[in-house]
C-alpha atoms as a PDB file:
ATOM      1  CA  UNK A   1       0.131   0.228  -0.100  1.00  0.00           C
ATOM      2  CA  UNK A   2       3.155   1.889   0.734  1.00  0.00           C
ATOM      3  CA  UNK A   3       3.112   3.452  -3.214  1.00  0.00           C
ATOM      4  CA  UNK A   4      -0.656   4.170  -3.005  1.00  0.00           C
ATOM      5  CA  UNK A   5       0.618   6.766  -1.092  1.00  0.00           C
ATOM      6  CA  UNK A   6       2.806   8.341  -2.751  1.00  0.00           C
ATOM      7  CA  UNK A   7      -0.027   8.213  -5.757  1.00  0.00           C
ATOM      8  CA  UNK A   8      -2.742  10.160  -3.451  1.00  0.00           C
ATOM      9  CA  UNK A   9      -0.047  13.213  -2.898  1.00  0.00           C
ATOM     10  CA  UNK A  10       0.848  12.841  -6.368  1.00  0.00           C
ATOM     11  CA  UNK A  11      -3.217  13.558  -7.411  1.00  0.00           C
ATOM     12  CA  UNK A  12      -4.506  15.062  -4.374  1.00  0.00           C
ATOM     13  CA  UNK A  13      -7.374  12.484  -4.556  1.00  0.00           C
ATOM     14  CA  UNK A  14      -8.447   9.021  -3.570  1.00  0.00           C
ATOM     15  CA  UNK A  15     -10.738   8.312  -6.157  1.00  0.00           C
ATOM     16  CA  UNK A  16      -8.617   5.734  -8.115  1.00  0.00           C
ATOM     17  CA  UNK A  17      -9.135   3.614  -5.035  1.00  0.00           C
ATOM     18  CA  UNK A  18     -12.166   2.345  -4.914  1.00  0.00           C
ATOM     19  CA  UNK A  19     -14.210   2.252  -1.524  1.00  0.00           C
ATOM     20  CA  UNK A  20     -14.549  -2.218  -1.935  1.00  0.00           C
ATOM     21  CA  UNK A  21     -10.890  -1.895  -3.065  1.00  0.00           C
ATOM     22  CA  UNK A  22      -9.927  -0.133  -0.185  1.00  0.00           C
ATOM     23  CA  UNK A  23     -11.784  -2.744   2.311  1.00  0.00           C
ATOM     24  CA  UNK A  24      -9.912  -5.677   0.791  1.00  0.00           C
ATOM     25  CA  UNK A  25      -6.584  -4.008   2.464  1.00  0.00           C
ATOM     26  CA  UNK A  26      -7.767  -2.998   5.723  1.00  0.00           C
ATOM     27  CA  UNK A  27      -9.444  -6.871   5.600  1.00  0.00           C
ATOM     28  CA  UNK A  28      -6.085  -7.760   4.722  1.00  0.00           C
ATOM     29  CA  UNK A  29      -4.168  -5.810   7.288  1.00  0.00           C
ATOM     30  CA  UNK A  30      -6.045  -6.999  10.332  1.00  0.00           C
ATOM     31  CA  UNK A  31      -5.096 -10.559   9.457  1.00  0.00           C
ATOM     32  CA  UNK A  32      -1.682  -9.270   9.697  1.00  0.00           C
ATOM     33  CA  UNK A  33      -1.826  -8.150  12.270  1.00  0.00           C
ATOM     34  CA  UNK A  34      -4.032 -11.109  14.137  1.00  0.00           C
ATOM     35  CA  UNK A  35      -1.363 -13.185  13.137  1.00  0.00           C
ATOM     36  CA  UNK A  36       1.358 -11.615  13.821  1.00  0.00           C
ATOM     37  CA  UNK A  37       0.035 -11.679  18.007  1.00  0.00           C
ATOM     38  CA  UNK A  38      -1.018 -15.805  17.524  1.00  0.00           C
ATOM     39  CA  UNK A  39       1.630 -16.821  15.584  1.00  0.00           C
ATOM     40  CA  UNK A  40       5.773 -16.832  17.067  1.00  0.00           C
ATOM     41  CA  UNK A  41       7.438 -15.532  13.765  1.00  0.00           C
ATOM     42  CA  UNK A  42      10.652 -12.955  14.019  1.00  0.00           C
ATOM     43  CA  UNK A  43      10.190  -9.665  15.405  1.00  0.00           C
ATOM     44  CA  UNK A  44      11.158  -8.859  11.705  1.00  0.00           C
ATOM     45  CA  UNK A  45       8.586  -9.696  10.250  1.00  0.00           C
ATOM     46  CA  UNK A  46       6.105  -8.779  13.620  1.00  0.00           C
ATOM     47  CA  UNK A  47       8.201  -4.987  12.280  1.00  0.00           C
ATOM     48  CA  UNK A  48       6.744  -4.854   9.094  1.00  0.00           C
ATOM     49  CA  UNK A  49       3.249  -6.038  10.030  1.00  0.00           C
ATOM     50  CA  UNK A  50       2.882  -3.003  12.124  1.00  0.00           C
ATOM     51  CA  UNK A  51       4.336  -0.751   9.955  1.00  0.00           C
ATOM     52  CA  UNK A  52       1.406  -2.016   7.553  1.00  0.00           C
ATOM     53  CA  UNK A  53      -0.543  -0.272  10.157  1.00  0.00           C
ATOM     54  CA  UNK A  54       1.081   2.881   9.959  1.00  0.00           C
ATOM     55  CA  UNK A  55       0.876   3.015   5.928  1.00  0.00           C
ATOM     56  CA  UNK A  56      -3.613   2.122   6.449  1.00  0.00           C
ATOM     57  CA  UNK A  57      -3.287   4.754   8.861  1.00  0.00           C
ATOM     58  CA  UNK A  58      -2.289   7.448   6.790  1.00  0.00           C
ATOM     59  CA  UNK A  59      -3.780   5.840   3.862  1.00  0.00           C
ATOM     60  CA  UNK A  60      -7.204   6.632   6.381  1.00  0.00           C
ATOM     61  CA  UNK A  61      -6.348  10.598   6.959  1.00  0.00           C
ATOM     62  CA  UNK A  62      -5.426  10.922   2.951  1.00  0.00           C
ATOM     63  CA  UNK A  63      -8.890  10.018   2.785  1.00  0.00           C
ATOM     64  CA  UNK A  64      -9.652  12.401   5.118  1.00  0.00           C
ATOM     65  CA  UNK A  65      -8.161  14.991   4.078  1.00  0.00           C
ATOM     66  CA  UNK A  66      -8.587  14.271   0.022  1.00  0.00           C
ATOM     67  CA  UNK A  67     -12.353  14.556  -0.063  1.00  0.00           C
ATOM     68  CA  UNK A  68     -13.239  12.485  -4.072  1.00  0.00           C
ATOM     69  CA  UNK A  69     -14.366  15.086  -6.242  1.00  0.00           C
ATOM     70  CA  UNK A  70     -17.207  13.747  -7.795  1.00  0.00           C
ATOM     71  CA  UNK A  71     -17.454  15.896 -10.923  1.00  0.00           C
ATOM     72  CA  UNK A  72     -13.967  13.992 -12.181  1.00  0.00           C
ATOM     73  CA  UNK A  73     -14.503  12.338 -15.532  1.00  0.00           C
ATOM     74  CA  UNK A  74     -12.750   8.459 -14.424  1.00  0.00           C
ATOM     75  CA  UNK A  75     -11.067   6.872 -16.903  1.00  0.00           C
ATOM     76  CA  UNK A  76     -13.796   5.449 -18.756  1.00  0.00           C
ATOM     77  CA  UNK A  77     -15.408   9.395 -19.413  1.00  0.00           C
ATOM     78  CA  UNK A  78     -18.011   9.246 -16.752  1.00  0.00           C
ATOM     79  CA  UNK A  79     -18.233  11.596 -13.326  1.00  0.00           C
ATOM     80  CA  UNK A  80     -20.428  10.835 -10.798  1.00  0.00           C
ATOM     81  CA  UNK A  81     -22.306  14.178 -10.300  1.00  0.00           C
ATOM     82  CA  UNK A  82     -23.157  17.049 -12.648  1.00  0.00           C
ATOM     83  CA  UNK A  83     -20.693  19.775 -13.466  1.00  0.00           C
ATOM     84  CA  UNK A  84     -22.265  22.951 -11.303  1.00  0.00           C
ATOM     85  CA  UNK A  85     -22.466  24.902 -13.955  1.00  0.00           C
ATOM     86  CA  UNK A  86     -24.000  22.106 -16.196  1.00  0.00           C
ATOM     87  CA  UNK A  87     -21.662  22.637 -19.376  1.00  0.00           C
ATOM     88  CA  UNK A  88     -19.332  19.090 -19.862  1.00  0.00           C
ATOM     89  CA  UNK A  89     -15.545  19.642 -19.037  1.00  0.00           C
ATOM     90  CA  UNK A  90     -13.302  18.998 -22.316  1.00  0.00           C
ATOM     91  CA  UNK A  91     -12.198  15.769 -20.283  1.00  0.00           C
ATOM     92  CA  UNK A  92     -16.019  14.497 -21.259  1.00  0.00           C
ATOM     93  CA  UNK A  93     -15.625  16.420 -24.433  1.00  0.00           C
ATOM     94  CA  UNK A  94     -13.370  14.507 -26.289  1.00  0.00           C
ATOM     95  CA  UNK A  95     -14.447  11.184 -24.204  1.00  0.00           C
ATOM     96  CA  UNK A  96     -17.882  11.730 -26.364  1.00  0.00           C
ATOM     97  CA  UNK A  97     -16.619  12.778 -29.393  1.00  0.00           C
ATOM     98  CA  UNK A  98     -14.505   9.053 -28.891  1.00  0.00           C
ATOM     99  CA  UNK A  99     -17.447   7.057 -28.762  1.00  0.00           C
ATOM    100  CA  UNK A 100     -19.119   9.483 -32.038  1.00  0.00           C
ATOM    101  CA  UNK A 101     -15.850   8.245 -33.689  1.00  0.00           C
END
């Protein structure tokens, strides 16, 4: 998940990681923590599990810090909400022109 933090910071958005994928990563982090406590393992692996927790907490902070822009066009040319002035954005126009070709 560490590269995801850099992508979020660069784009100042978390819209490119859907909530469902985020929950899968959260569940995986939780399972790793449980095994780190239950099973005897090297200390380095336990530290790595807790490092993942720190990364996860930073990602939660980024989700709070960078709200999802619902007017931003995704890779399929769709936006969740309409643009406030009702006019399509340049990205939407280019996607629509590609569809018409």
